[in-house]
Amino acid sequence: MTPTIQEAIEAISVLERTVQDVHVDEHLLTVTVDDVTYSIVMATLTVTSLTHCGEGLVAVEAVCGKTFSYSYTMSLI
């Protein structure tokens, strides 16, 4: 396993554990600003993981790989 893939797996694991913790205790992630407390509305909490790649790259699992263009000829007999 490459270091990049290992890092992605660890990051996703941390995110998953955080979401699980918040499901157990909604008040885990509360913020107070100017005496107003904001907290998560559990019905609106979603987690999505995406891999964004630049031009000429394609997402493969959690990493980006180069795309290659080849020309070929096909003959049907």
Protein backbone atom coordinates (compact mmCIF):
# COMPACT_ATOMS: atom_id res chain seq x y z
CA MET A 1 0.00 0.00 0.00
CA THR A 2 1.37 3.38 -0.96
CA PRO A 3 1.73 6.18 1.61
CA THR A 4 -0.91 8.23 -0.27
CA ILE A 5 -3.49 5.46 -0.07
CA GLN A 6 -2.64 4.84 3.60
CA GLU A 7 -3.10 8.55 4.35
CA ALA A 8 -6.47 8.60 2.58
CA ILE A 9 -7.65 5.53 4.48
CA GLU A 10 -6.62 7.08 7.80
CA ALA A 11 -8.37 10.37 6.96
CA ILE A 12 -11.59 8.57 6.03
CA SER A 13 -11.38 6.51 9.22
CA VAL A 14 -11.04 9.67 11.35
CA LEU A 15 -14.02 11.21 9.57
CA GLU A 16 -16.11 8.07 10.09
CA ARG A 17 -15.24 7.92 13.82
CA THR A 18 -16.11 11.61 14.20
CA VAL A 19 -19.52 11.10 12.63
CA GLN A 20 -20.13 8.07 14.86
CA ASP A 21 -19.16 10.12 17.93
CA VAL A 22 -21.53 12.93 16.93
CA HIS A 23 -24.35 10.42 16.47
CA VAL A 24 -23.76 9.27 20.06
CA ASP A 25 -23.53 12.80 21.51
CA GLU A 26 -25.05 15.61 19.42
CA HIS A 27 -23.54 18.21 21.75
CA LEU A 28 -20.01 17.07 20.92
CA LEU A 29 -19.81 19.63 18.12
CA THR A 30 -21.39 22.80 19.46
CA VAL A 31 -20.11 26.30 18.95
CA THR A 32 -21.03 29.41 20.93
CA VAL A 33 -20.67 32.81 19.29
CA ASP A 34 -21.86 35.99 21.04
CA ASP A 35 -23.83 33.95 23.59
CA VAL A 36 -25.62 32.00 20.84
CA THR A 37 -24.99 28.26 20.77
CA TYR A 38 -25.03 26.45 17.45
CA SER A 39 -25.21 22.67 17.21
CA ILE A 40 -25.67 20.01 14.57
CA VAL A 41 -29.13 19.02 13.42
CA MET A 42 -28.67 15.28 13.08
CA ALA A 43 -31.23 14.96 10.29
CA THR A 44 -29.05 17.19 8.09
CA LEU A 45 -25.69 15.54 8.81
CA THR A 46 -24.28 13.71 5.79
CA VAL A 47 -20.80 12.54 4.94
CA THR A 48 -19.53 12.17 1.40
CA SER A 49 -16.06 11.31 0.25
CA LEU A 50 -14.89 12.35 -3.20
CA THR A 51 -11.56 12.40 -4.96
CA HIS A 52 -11.03 15.49 -7.10
CA CYS A 53 -8.37 15.17 -9.77
CA GLY A 54 -6.87 17.71 -12.13
CA GLU A 55 -6.88 17.61 -15.92
CA GLY A 56 -5.31 14.46 -17.33
CA LEU A 57 -5.88 12.54 -14.10
CA VAL A 58 -8.56 10.06 -13.16
CA ALA A 59 -9.80 9.06 -9.70
CA VAL A 60 -8.85 5.52 -8.73
CA GLU A 61 -10.09 4.71 -5.24
CA ALA A 62 -8.80 7.58 -3.09
CA VAL A 63 -5.93 8.71 -5.32
CA CYS A 64 -5.47 10.27 -8.75
CA GLY A 65 -3.72 8.49 -11.57
CA LYS A 66 -2.53 9.63 -14.97
CA THR A 67 -4.67 8.83 -17.95
CA PHE A 68 -2.97 7.60 -21.07
CA SER A 69 -4.23 7.94 -24.61
CA TYR A 70 -3.26 5.31 -27.14
CA SER A 71 -4.23 4.88 -30.73
CA TYR A 72 -4.89 1.43 -32.06
CA THR A 73 -6.28 -0.28 -35.09
CA MET A 74 -8.87 -3.04 -34.98
CA SER A 75 -9.38 -5.44 -37.84
CA LEU A 76 -12.47 -7.57 -38.06
CA ILE A 77 -12.19 -10.74 -40.09
